[in-house]
Amino acid sequence: MNVDALFNNLVSGPTQTALTGGLNEQPTEAANGLSSFSGMLENAMSSLNEQQVTADQGVQDLITGNTDNLHNVMIQTSEAQLSLELALQLRNKGLEAYNEIKNMQF
């Protein structure tokens, strides 16, 4: 699974228009900083991508015979799998919250 595509889908989904209100506003410096939500999300997704790439490289090395440490490769793949499952659950919960807010009657 391509984590970059997952991140782009998450960012460009229906929540993007709801957050910006459809206006073409210039982002402030706080919105560009690492303390912003999008900065934290971008850091988390890049970390997830690095874990996936590391696990894939470990499996490739194991198959080609460049490494013989099956234990470390299994730990890397398990960490990558758990991180991806966590990211998917967070996305699902975020979409559920968005849909509940969208369906509220005022």
PDB file of N, CA and C in Angstrom:
ATOM      1  N   MET A   1       0.852  -1.183   0.000  1.00  0.00           N
ATOM      2  CA  MET A   1       0.000   0.000   0.000  1.00  0.00           C
ATOM      3  C   MET A   1       0.888   1.232   0.000  1.00  0.00           C
ATOM      4  N   ASN A   2       0.514   2.221  -0.788  1.00  0.00           N
ATOM      5  CA  ASN A   2       1.279   3.451  -0.895  1.00  0.00           C
ATOM      6  C   ASN A   2       0.800   4.432   0.165  1.00  0.00           C
ATOM      7  N   VAL A   3       1.650   4.747   1.108  1.00  0.00           N
ATOM      8  CA  VAL A   3       1.285   5.607   2.228  1.00  0.00           C
ATOM      9  C   VAL A   3       1.114   7.049   1.765  1.00  0.00           C
ATOM     10  N   ASP A   4       1.918   7.472   0.780  1.00  0.00           N
ATOM     11  CA  ASP A   4       1.774   8.839   0.268  1.00  0.00           C
ATOM     12  C   ASP A   4       0.390   9.052  -0.345  1.00  0.00           C
ATOM     13  N   ALA A   5      -0.104   8.055  -1.078  1.00  0.00           N
ATOM     14  CA  ALA A   5      -1.438   8.166  -1.666  1.00  0.00           C
ATOM     15  C   ALA A   5      -2.503   8.208  -0.578  1.00  0.00           C
ATOM     16  N   LEU A   6      -2.308   7.424   0.481  1.00  0.00           N
ATOM     17  CA  LEU A   6      -3.237   7.439   1.610  1.00  0.00           C
ATOM     18  C   LEU A   6      -3.268   8.808   2.275  1.00  0.00           C
ATOM     19  N   PHE A   7      -2.079   9.400   2.455  1.00  0.00           N
ATOM     20  CA  PHE A   7      -1.984  10.727   3.051  1.00  0.00           C
ATOM     21  C   PHE A   7      -2.662  11.768   2.169  1.00  0.00           C
ATOM     22  N   ASN A   8      -2.399  11.729   0.860  1.00  0.00           N
ATOM     23  CA  ASN A   8      -3.019  12.691  -0.054  1.00  0.00           C
ATOM     24  C   ASN A   8      -4.533  12.539  -0.088  1.00  0.00           C
ATOM     25  N   ASN A   9      -5.014  11.304  -0.006  1.00  0.00           N
ATOM     26  CA  ASN A   9      -6.450  11.061   0.026  1.00  0.00           C
ATOM     27  C   ASN A   9      -7.057  11.614   1.310  1.00  0.00           C
ATOM     28  N   LEU A  10      -6.342  11.446   2.407  1.00  0.00           N
ATOM     29  CA  LEU A  10      -6.828  11.941   3.693  1.00  0.00           C
ATOM     30  C   LEU A  10      -6.878  13.465   3.716  1.00  0.00           C
ATOM     31  N   VAL A  11      -5.831  14.097   3.187  1.00  0.00           N
ATOM     32  CA  VAL A  11      -5.760  15.552   3.211  1.00  0.00           C
ATOM     33  C   VAL A  11      -6.732  16.181   2.225  1.00  0.00           C
ATOM     34  N   SER A  12      -6.877  15.596   1.040  1.00  0.00           N
ATOM     35  CA  SER A  12      -7.723  16.212   0.022  1.00  0.00           C
ATOM     36  C   SER A  12      -9.165  15.722   0.081  1.00  0.00           C
ATOM     37  N   GLY A  13      -9.521  14.994   1.120  1.00  0.00           N
ATOM     38  CA  GLY A  13     -10.869  14.467   1.255  1.00  0.00           C
ATOM     39  C   GLY A  13     -11.886  15.550   1.573  1.00  0.00           C
ATOM     40  N   PRO A  14     -13.100  15.164   1.965  1.00  0.00           N
ATOM     41  CA  PRO A  14     -14.170  16.129   2.209  1.00  0.00           C
ATOM     42  C   PRO A  14     -13.887  17.075   3.362  1.00  0.00           C
ATOM     43  N   THR A  15     -12.984  16.706   4.260  1.00  0.00           N
ATOM     44  CA  THR A  15     -12.712  17.582   5.390  1.00  0.00           C
ATOM     45  C   THR A  15     -11.930  18.821   4.985  1.00  0.00           C
ATOM     46  N   GLN A  16     -11.197  18.755   3.871  1.00  0.00           N
ATOM     47  CA  GLN A  16     -10.400  19.894   3.445  1.00  0.00           C
ATOM     48  C   GLN A  16     -11.297  21.080   3.092  1.00  0.00           C
ATOM     49  N   THR A  17     -12.387  20.863   2.356  1.00  0.00           N
ATOM     50  CA  THR A  17     -13.269  21.966   1.997  1.00  0.00           C
ATOM     51  C   THR A  17     -14.040  22.457   3.209  1.00  0.00           C
ATOM     52  N   ALA A  18     -14.324  21.554   4.144  1.00  0.00           N
ATOM     53  CA  ALA A  18     -15.045  21.972   5.340  1.00  0.00           C
ATOM     54  C   ALA A  18     -14.169  22.840   6.237  1.00  0.00           C
ATOM     55  N   LEU A  19     -12.895  22.516   6.292  1.00  0.00           N
ATOM     56  CA  LEU A  19     -12.004  23.276   7.159  1.00  0.00           C
ATOM     57  C   LEU A  19     -11.717  24.658   6.593  1.00  0.00           C
ATOM     58  N   THR A  20     -11.572  24.762   5.280  1.00  0.00           N
ATOM     59  CA  THR A  20     -11.238  26.048   4.689  1.00  0.00           C
ATOM     60  C   THR A  20     -12.471  26.860   4.371  1.00  0.00           C
ATOM     61  N   GLY A  21     -13.614  26.227   4.351  1.00  0.00           N
ATOM     62  CA  GLY A  21     -14.839  26.951   4.052  1.00  0.00           C
ATOM     63  C   GLY A  21     -14.943  27.352   2.587  1.00  0.00           C
ATOM     64  N   GLY A  22     -14.104  26.757   1.749  1.00  0.00           N
ATOM     65  CA  GLY A  22     -14.156  27.052   0.341  1.00  0.00           C
ATOM     66  C   GLY A  22     -13.506  28.374  -0.022  1.00  0.00           C
ATOM     67  N   LEU A  23     -12.873  29.043   0.910  1.00  0.00           N
ATOM     68  CA  LEU A  23     -12.237  30.323   0.642  1.00  0.00           C
ATOM     69  C   LEU A  23     -10.779  30.108   0.281  1.00  0.00           C
ATOM     70  N   ASN A  24     -10.266  30.993  -0.538  1.00  0.00           N
ATOM     71  CA  ASN A  24      -8.856  30.935  -0.898  1.00  0.00           C
ATOM     72  C   ASN A  24      -8.067  31.832   0.031  1.00  0.00           C
ATOM     73  N   GLU A  25      -7.876  31.370   1.244  1.00  0.00           N
ATOM     74  CA  GLU A  25      -7.166  32.146   2.244  1.00  0.00           C
ATOM     75  C   GLU A  25      -5.702  31.752   2.254  1.00  0.00           C
ATOM     76  N   GLN A  26      -4.838  32.709   2.546  1.00  0.00           N
ATOM     77  CA  GLN A  26      -3.425  32.418   2.683  1.00  0.00           C
ATOM     78  C   GLN A  26      -3.185  31.840   4.080  1.00  0.00           C
ATOM     79  N   PRO A  27      -2.445  30.733   4.174  1.00  0.00           N
ATOM     80  CA  PRO A  27      -2.192  30.158   5.496  1.00  0.00           C
ATOM     81  C   PRO A  27      -1.287  31.053   6.322  1.00  0.00           C
ATOM     82  N   THR A  28      -1.545  31.085   7.608  1.00  0.00           N
ATOM     83  CA  THR A  28      -0.725  31.879   8.505  1.00  0.00           C
ATOM     84  C   THR A  28       0.537  31.106   8.845  1.00  0.00           C
ATOM     85  N   GLU A  29       1.467  31.762   9.521  1.00  0.00           N
ATOM     86  CA  GLU A  29       2.705  31.096   9.914  1.00  0.00           C
ATOM     87  C   GLU A  29       2.437  29.975  10.903  1.00  0.00           C
ATOM     88  N   ALA A  30       1.445  30.149  11.763  1.00  0.00           N
ATOM     89  CA  ALA A  30       1.121  29.098  12.732  1.00  0.00           C
ATOM     90  C   ALA A  30       0.583  27.863  12.018  1.00  0.00           C
ATOM     91  N   ALA A  31      -0.135  28.064  10.908  1.00  0.00           N
ATOM     92  CA  ALA A  31      -0.670  26.927  10.171  1.00  0.00           C
ATOM     93  C   ALA A  31       0.439  26.166   9.461  1.00  0.00           C
ATOM     94  N   ASN A  32       1.526  26.830   9.136  1.00  0.00           N
ATOM     95  CA  ASN A  32       2.635  26.166   8.466  1.00  0.00           C
ATOM     96  C   ASN A  32       3.610  25.518   9.434  1.00  0.00           C
ATOM     97  N   GLY A  33       3.553  25.864  10.703  1.00  0.00           N
ATOM     98  CA  GLY A  33       4.513  25.372  11.689  1.00  0.00           C
ATOM     99  C   GLY A  33       4.259  23.932  12.069  1.00  0.00           C
ATOM    100  N   LEU A  34       5.213  23.377  12.797  1.00  0.00           N
ATOM    101  CA  LEU A  34       5.088  21.999  13.226  1.00  0.00           C
ATOM    102  C   LEU A  34       4.079  21.834  14.348  1.00  0.00           C
ATOM    103  N   SER A  35       3.711  22.923  14.995  1.00  0.00           N
ATOM    104  CA  SER A  35       2.756  22.824  16.083  1.00  0.00           C
ATOM    105  C   SER A  35       1.322  22.743  15.565  1.00  0.00           C
ATOM    106  N   SER A  36       1.118  22.965  14.283  1.00  0.00           N
ATOM    107  CA  SER A  36      -0.224  22.896  13.736  1.00  0.00           C
ATOM    108  C   SER A  36      -0.641  21.436  13.543  1.00  0.00           C
ATOM    109  N   PHE A  37      -1.917  21.240  13.386  1.00  0.00           N
ATOM    110  CA  PHE A  37      -2.446  19.887  13.201  1.00  0.00           C
ATOM    111  C   PHE A  37      -1.922  19.275  11.915  1.00  0.00           C
ATOM    112  N   SER A  38      -1.900  20.059  10.849  1.00  0.00           N
ATOM    113  CA  SER A  38      -1.424  19.515   9.574  1.00  0.00           C
ATOM    114  C   SER A  38       0.056  19.163   9.651  1.00  0.00           C
ATOM    115  N   GLY A  39       0.842  19.946  10.397  1.00  0.00           N
ATOM    116  CA  GLY A  39       2.258  19.620  10.572  1.00  0.00           C
ATOM    117  C   GLY A  39       2.454  18.325  11.331  1.00  0.00           C
ATOM    118  N   MET A  40       1.672  18.142  12.390  1.00  0.00           N
ATOM    119  CA  MET A  40       1.765  16.899  13.155  1.00  0.00           C
ATOM    120  C   MET A  40       1.325  15.711  12.309  1.00  0.00           C
ATOM    121  N   LEU A  41       0.278  15.907  11.521  1.00  0.00           N
ATOM    122  CA  LEU A  41      -0.213  14.842  10.658  1.00  0.00           C
ATOM    123  C   LEU A  41       0.816  14.492   9.589  1.00  0.00           C
ATOM    124  N   GLU A  42       1.439  15.519   9.029  1.00  0.00           N
ATOM    125  CA  GLU A  42       2.467  15.281   8.010  1.00  0.00           C
ATOM    126  C   GLU A  42       3.666  14.537   8.601  1.00  0.00           C
ATOM    127  N   ASN A  43       4.086  14.902   9.807  1.00  0.00           N
ATOM    128  CA  ASN A  43       5.187  14.197  10.463  1.00  0.00           C
ATOM    129  C   ASN A  43       4.826  12.741  10.758  1.00  0.00           C
ATOM    130  N   ALA A  44       3.608  12.508  11.197  1.00  0.00           N
ATOM    131  CA  ALA A  44       3.173  11.146  11.492  1.00  0.00           C
ATOM    132  C   ALA A  44       3.124  10.301  10.225  1.00  0.00           C
ATOM    133  N   MET A  45       2.645  10.882   9.142  1.00  0.00           N
ATOM    134  CA  MET A  45       2.563  10.132   7.890  1.00  0.00           C
ATOM    135  C   MET A  45       3.947   9.865   7.308  1.00  0.00           C
ATOM    136  N   SER A  46       4.862  10.814   7.462  1.00  0.00           N
ATOM    137  CA  SER A  46       6.218  10.567   6.964  1.00  0.00           C
ATOM    138  C   SER A  46       6.905   9.486   7.798  1.00  0.00           C
ATOM    139  N   SER A  47       6.649   9.471   9.099  1.00  0.00           N
ATOM    140  CA  SER A  47       7.190   8.425   9.953  1.00  0.00           C
ATOM    141  C   SER A  47       6.611   7.061   9.568  1.00  0.00           C
ATOM    142  N   LEU A  48       5.326   7.028   9.282  1.00  0.00           N
ATOM    143  CA  LEU A  48       4.679   5.799   8.851  1.00  0.00           C
ATOM    144  C   LEU A  48       5.278   5.319   7.539  1.00  0.00           C
ATOM    145  N   ASN A  49       5.509   6.235   6.617  1.00  0.00           N
ATOM    146  CA  ASN A  49       6.096   5.874   5.334  1.00  0.00           C
ATOM    147  C   ASN A  49       7.504   5.319   5.526  1.00  0.00           C
ATOM    148  N   GLU A  50       8.291   5.932   6.402  1.00  0.00           N
ATOM    149  CA  GLU A  50       9.650   5.446   6.674  1.00  0.00           C
ATOM    150  C   GLU A  50       9.619   4.033   7.247  1.00  0.00           C
ATOM    151  N   GLN A  51       8.655   3.761   8.137  1.00  0.00           N
ATOM    152  CA  GLN A  51       8.540   2.417   8.701  1.00  0.00           C
ATOM    153  C   GLN A  51       8.195   1.397   7.621  1.00  0.00           C
ATOM    154  N   GLN A  52       7.294   1.780   6.708  1.00  0.00           N
ATOM    155  CA  GLN A  52       6.917   0.875   5.625  1.00  0.00           C
ATOM    156  C   GLN A  52       8.104   0.593   4.708  1.00  0.00           C
ATOM    157  N   VAL A  53       8.857   1.635   4.377  1.00  0.00           N
ATOM    158  CA  VAL A  53      10.016   1.472   3.499  1.00  0.00           C
ATOM    159  C   VAL A  53      11.091   0.616   4.175  1.00  0.00           C
ATOM    160  N   THR A  54      11.319   0.846   5.474  1.00  0.00           N
ATOM    161  CA  THR A  54      12.307   0.063   6.216  1.00  0.00           C
ATOM    162  C   THR A  54      11.911  -1.411   6.265  1.00  0.00           C
ATOM    163  N   ALA A  55      10.636  -1.674   6.492  1.00  0.00           N
ATOM    164  CA  ALA A  55      10.163  -3.058   6.531  1.00  0.00           C
ATOM    165  C   ALA A  55      10.293  -3.714   5.162  1.00  0.00           C
ATOM    166  N   ASP A  56       9.937  -2.983   4.111  1.00  0.00           N
ATOM    167  CA  ASP A  56      10.074  -3.531   2.760  1.00  0.00           C
ATOM    168  C   ASP A  56      11.531  -3.828   2.432  1.00  0.00           C
ATOM    169  N   GLN A  57      12.426  -2.921   2.812  1.00  0.00           N
ATOM    170  CA  GLN A  57      13.851  -3.129   2.561  1.00  0.00           C
ATOM    171  C   GLN A  57      14.375  -4.325   3.347  1.00  0.00           C
ATOM    172  N   GLY A  58      13.910  -4.490   4.572  1.00  0.00           N
ATOM    173  CA  GLY A  58      14.313  -5.646   5.375  1.00  0.00           C
ATOM    174  C   GLY A  58      13.883  -6.952   4.750  1.00  0.00           C
ATOM    175  N   VAL A  59      12.661  -6.980   4.222  1.00  0.00           N
ATOM    176  CA  VAL A  59      12.169  -8.191   3.563  1.00  0.00           C
ATOM    177  C   VAL A  59      12.982  -8.462   2.297  1.00  0.00           C
ATOM    178  N   GLN A  60      13.268  -7.403   1.531  1.00  0.00           N
ATOM    179  CA  GLN A  60      14.084  -7.574   0.323  1.00  0.00           C
ATOM    180  C   GLN A  60      15.468  -8.120   0.665  1.00  0.00           C
ATOM    181  N   ASP A  61      16.066  -7.567   1.727  1.00  0.00           N
ATOM    182  CA  ASP A  61      17.392  -8.037   2.143  1.00  0.00           C
ATOM    183  C   ASP A  61      17.346  -9.497   2.590  1.00  0.00           C
ATOM    184  N   LEU A  62      16.274  -9.873   3.267  1.00  0.00           N
ATOM    185  CA  LEU A  62      16.139 -11.256   3.724  1.00  0.00           C
ATOM    186  C   LEU A  62      15.984 -12.200   2.539  1.00  0.00           C
ATOM    187  N   ILE A  63      15.209 -11.796   1.550  1.00  0.00           N
ATOM    188  CA  ILE A  63      14.986 -12.645   0.376  1.00  0.00           C
ATOM    189  C   ILE A  63      16.260 -12.797  -0.443  1.00  0.00           C
ATOM    190  N   THR A  64      16.995 -11.695  -0.615  1.00  0.00           N
ATOM    191  CA  THR A  64      18.207 -11.745  -1.432  1.00  0.00           C
ATOM    192  C   THR A  64      19.397 -12.331  -0.681  1.00  0.00           C
ATOM    193  N   GLY A  65      19.286 -12.503   0.614  1.00  0.00           N
ATOM    194  CA  GLY A  65      20.361 -13.096   1.389  1.00  0.00           C
ATOM    195  C   GLY A  65      21.344 -12.087   1.949  1.00  0.00           C
ATOM    196  N   ASN A  66      21.020 -10.796   1.861  1.00  0.00           N
ATOM    197  CA  ASN A  66      21.913  -9.769   2.398  1.00  0.00           C
ATOM    198  C   ASN A  66      21.907  -9.740   3.925  1.00  0.00           C
ATOM    199  N   THR A  67      20.870 -10.269   4.529  1.00  0.00           N
ATOM    200  CA  THR A  67      20.796 -10.358   5.983  1.00  0.00           C
ATOM    201  C   THR A  67      20.235 -11.726   6.359  1.00  0.00           C
ATOM    202  N   ASP A  68      20.609 -12.186   7.501  1.00  0.00           N
ATOM    203  CA  ASP A  68      20.090 -13.466   7.969  1.00  0.00           C
ATOM    204  C   ASP A  68      19.378 -13.325   9.314  1.00  0.00           C
ATOM    205  N   ASN A  69      19.068 -12.097   9.689  1.00  0.00           N
ATOM    206  CA  ASN A  69      18.432 -11.842  10.970  1.00  0.00           C
ATOM    207  C   ASN A  69      16.916 -11.753  10.788  1.00  0.00           C
ATOM    208  N   LEU A  70      16.276 -12.880  10.797  1.00  0.00           N
ATOM    209  CA  LEU A  70      14.827 -12.949  10.610  1.00  0.00           C
ATOM    210  C   LEU A  70      14.085 -12.246  11.732  1.00  0.00           C
ATOM    211  N   HIS A  71      14.628 -12.291  12.932  1.00  0.00           N
ATOM    212  CA  HIS A  71      13.982 -11.699  14.098  1.00  0.00           C
ATOM    213  C   HIS A  71      13.761 -10.191  13.903  1.00  0.00           C
ATOM    214  N   ASN A  72      14.809  -9.473  13.487  1.00  0.00           N
ATOM    215  CA  ASN A  72      14.676  -8.024  13.284  1.00  0.00           C
ATOM    216  C   ASN A  72      13.724  -7.684  12.148  1.00  0.00           C
ATOM    217  N   VAL A  73      13.745  -8.482  11.089  1.00  0.00           N
ATOM    218  CA  VAL A  73      12.842  -8.237   9.962  1.00  0.00           C
ATOM    219  C   VAL A  73      11.393  -8.424  10.393  1.00  0.00           C
ATOM    220  N   MET A  74      11.136  -9.443  11.196  1.00  0.00           N
ATOM    221  CA  MET A  74       9.769  -9.669  11.674  1.00  0.00           C
ATOM    222  C   MET A  74       9.314  -8.542  12.598  1.00  0.00           C
ATOM    223  N   ILE A  75      10.220  -8.033  13.423  1.00  0.00           N
ATOM    224  CA  ILE A  75       9.867  -6.907  14.290  1.00  0.00           C
ATOM    225  C   ILE A  75       9.556  -5.678  13.456  1.00  0.00           C
ATOM    226  N   GLN A  76      10.362  -5.403  12.426  1.00  0.00           N
ATOM    227  CA  GLN A  76      10.129  -4.240  11.566  1.00  0.00           C
ATOM    228  C   GLN A  76       8.798  -4.349  10.840  1.00  0.00           C
ATOM    229  N   THR A  77       8.496  -5.523  10.303  1.00  0.00           N
ATOM    230  CA  THR A  77       7.232  -5.668   9.577  1.00  0.00           C
ATOM    231  C   THR A  77       6.033  -5.579  10.528  1.00  0.00           C
ATOM    232  N   SER A  78       6.170  -6.121  11.734  1.00  0.00           N
ATOM    233  CA  SER A  78       5.070  -6.028  12.708  1.00  0.00           C
ATOM    234  C   SER A  78       4.833  -4.586  13.130  1.00  0.00           C
ATOM    235  N   GLU A  79       5.915  -3.830  13.361  1.00  0.00           N
ATOM    236  CA  GLU A  79       5.766  -2.412  13.712  1.00  0.00           C
ATOM    237  C   GLU A  79       5.113  -1.630  12.578  1.00  0.00           C
ATOM    238  N   ALA A  80       5.519  -1.913  11.341  1.00  0.00           N
ATOM    239  CA  ALA A  80       4.938  -1.222  10.190  1.00  0.00           C
ATOM    240  C   ALA A  80       3.457  -1.560  10.042  1.00  0.00           C
ATOM    241  N   GLN A  81       3.112  -2.820  10.254  1.00  0.00           N
ATOM    242  CA  GLN A  81       1.713  -3.227  10.148  1.00  0.00           C
ATOM    243  C   GLN A  81       0.858  -2.562  11.224  1.00  0.00           C
ATOM    244  N   LEU A  82       1.340  -2.540  12.456  1.00  0.00           N
ATOM    245  CA  LEU A  82       0.583  -1.922  13.543  1.00  0.00           C
ATOM    246  C   LEU A  82       0.437  -0.416  13.340  1.00  0.00           C
ATOM    247  N   SER A  83       1.476   0.218  12.833  1.00  0.00           N
ATOM    248  CA  SER A  83       1.404   1.655  12.569  1.00  0.00           C
ATOM    249  C   SER A  83       0.384   1.959  11.486  1.00  0.00           C
ATOM    250  N   LEU A  84       0.362   1.141  10.450  1.00  0.00           N
ATOM    251  CA  LEU A  84      -0.606   1.347   9.379  1.00  0.00           C
ATOM    252  C   LEU A  84      -2.033   1.122   9.877  1.00  0.00           C
ATOM    253  N   GLU A  85      -2.229   0.094  10.683  1.00  0.00           N
ATOM    254  CA  GLU A  85      -3.563  -0.164  11.235  1.00  0.00           C
ATOM    255  C   GLU A  85      -4.009   0.992  12.133  1.00  0.00           C
ATOM    256  N   LEU A  86      -3.094   1.548  12.912  1.00  0.00           N
ATOM    257  CA  LEU A  86      -3.422   2.693  13.752  1.00  0.00           C
ATOM    258  C   LEU A  86      -3.811   3.896  12.902  1.00  0.00           C
ATOM    259  N   ALA A  87      -3.065   4.150  11.836  1.00  0.00           N
ATOM    260  CA  ALA A  87      -3.373   5.278  10.955  1.00  0.00           C
ATOM    261  C   ALA A  87      -4.742   5.099  10.311  1.00  0.00           C
ATOM    262  N   LEU A  88      -5.061   3.882   9.903  1.00  0.00           N
ATOM    263  CA  LEU A  88      -6.373   3.633   9.304  1.00  0.00           C
ATOM    264  C   LEU A  88      -7.498   3.817  10.310  1.00  0.00           C
ATOM    265  N   GLN A  89      -7.291   3.373  11.537  1.00  0.00           N
ATOM    266  CA  GLN A  89      -8.316   3.552  12.562  1.00  0.00           C
ATOM    267  C   GLN A  89      -8.513   5.024  12.901  1.00  0.00           C
ATOM    268  N   LEU A  90      -7.417   5.784  12.962  1.00  0.00           N
ATOM    269  CA  LEU A  90      -7.541   7.222  13.204  1.00  0.00           C
ATOM    270  C   LEU A  90      -8.291   7.909  12.069  1.00  0.00           C
ATOM    271  N   ARG A  91      -7.989   7.513  10.833  1.00  0.00           N
ATOM    272  CA  ARG A  91      -8.709   8.078   9.695  1.00  0.00           C
ATOM    273  C   ARG A  91     -10.197   7.746   9.775  1.00  0.00           C
ATOM    274  N   ASN A  92     -10.517   6.498  10.103  1.00  0.00           N
ATOM    275  CA  ASN A  92     -11.920   6.093  10.196  1.00  0.00           C
ATOM    276  C   ASN A  92     -12.652   6.864  11.294  1.00  0.00           C
ATOM    277  N   LYS A  93     -12.012   7.019  12.448  1.00  0.00           N
ATOM    278  CA  LYS A  93     -12.639   7.764  13.542  1.00  0.00           C
ATOM    279  C   LYS A  93     -12.813   9.237  13.172  1.00  0.00           C
ATOM    280  N   GLY A  94     -11.825   9.801  12.483  1.00  0.00           N
ATOM    281  CA  GLY A  94     -11.934  11.192  12.035  1.00  0.00           C
ATOM    282  C   GLY A  94     -13.072  11.378  11.052  1.00  0.00           C
ATOM    283  N   LEU A  95     -13.230  10.442  10.125  1.00  0.00           N
ATOM    284  CA  LEU A  95     -14.331  10.527   9.162  1.00  0.00           C
ATOM    285  C   LEU A  95     -15.687  10.337   9.848  1.00  0.00           C
ATOM    286  N   GLU A  96     -15.733   9.444  10.838  1.00  0.00           N
ATOM    287  CA  GLU A  96     -16.978   9.270  11.588  1.00  0.00           C
ATOM    288  C   GLU A  96     -17.356  10.555  12.319  1.00  0.00           C
ATOM    289  N   ALA A  97     -16.376  11.199  12.944  1.00  0.00           N
ATOM    290  CA  ALA A  97     -16.637  12.455  13.650  1.00  0.00           C
ATOM    291  C   ALA A  97     -17.086  13.536  12.679  1.00  0.00           C
ATOM    292  N   TYR A  98     -16.444  13.617  11.530  1.00  0.00           N
ATOM    293  CA  TYR A  98     -16.827  14.601  10.515  1.00  0.00           C
ATOM    294  C   TYR A  98     -18.264  14.365  10.058  1.00  0.00           C
ATOM    295  N   ASN A  99     -18.618  13.101   9.802  1.00  0.00           N
ATOM    296  CA  ASN A  99     -19.971  12.789   9.346  1.00  0.00           C
ATOM    297  C   ASN A  99     -21.009  13.104  10.423  1.00  0.00           C
ATOM    298  N   GLU A 100     -20.675  12.861  11.688  1.00  0.00           N
ATOM    299  CA  GLU A 100     -21.617  13.194  12.759  1.00  0.00           C
ATOM    300  C   GLU A 100     -21.822  14.697  12.873  1.00  0.00           C
ATOM    301  N   ILE A 101     -20.735  15.447  12.744  1.00  0.00           N
ATOM    302  CA  ILE A 101     -20.867  16.905  12.784  1.00  0.00           C
ATOM    303  C   ILE A 101     -21.643  17.406  11.586  1.00  0.00           C
ATOM    304  N   LYS A 102     -21.389  16.809  10.432  1.00  0.00           N
ATOM    305  CA  LYS A 102     -22.090  17.211   9.213  1.00  0.00           C
ATOM    306  C   LYS A 102     -23.591  16.963   9.310  1.00  0.00           C
ATOM    307  N   ASN A 103     -23.968  15.893   9.990  1.00  0.00           N
ATOM    308  CA  ASN A 103     -25.377  15.526  10.084  1.00  0.00           C
ATOM    309  C   ASN A 103     -26.105  16.197  11.243  1.00  0.00           C
ATOM    310  N   MET A 104     -25.417  17.016  12.031  1.00  0.00           N
ATOM    311  CA  MET A 104     -26.077  17.726  13.128  1.00  0.00           C
ATOM    312  C   MET A 104     -27.065  18.741  12.586  1.00  0.00           C
ATOM    313  N   GLN A 105     -28.168  18.867  13.288  1.00  0.00           N
ATOM    314  CA  GLN A 105     -29.162  19.862  12.909  1.00  0.00           C
ATOM    315  C   GLN A 105     -29.105  21.006  13.889  1.00  0.00           C
ATOM    316  N   PHE A 106     -29.038  22.192  13.338  1.00  0.00           N
ATOM    317  CA  PHE A 106     -28.957  23.390  14.186  1.00  0.00           C
ATOM    318  C   PHE A 106     -30.253  24.142  14.177  1.00  0.00           C
TER     319      PHE A 106
END
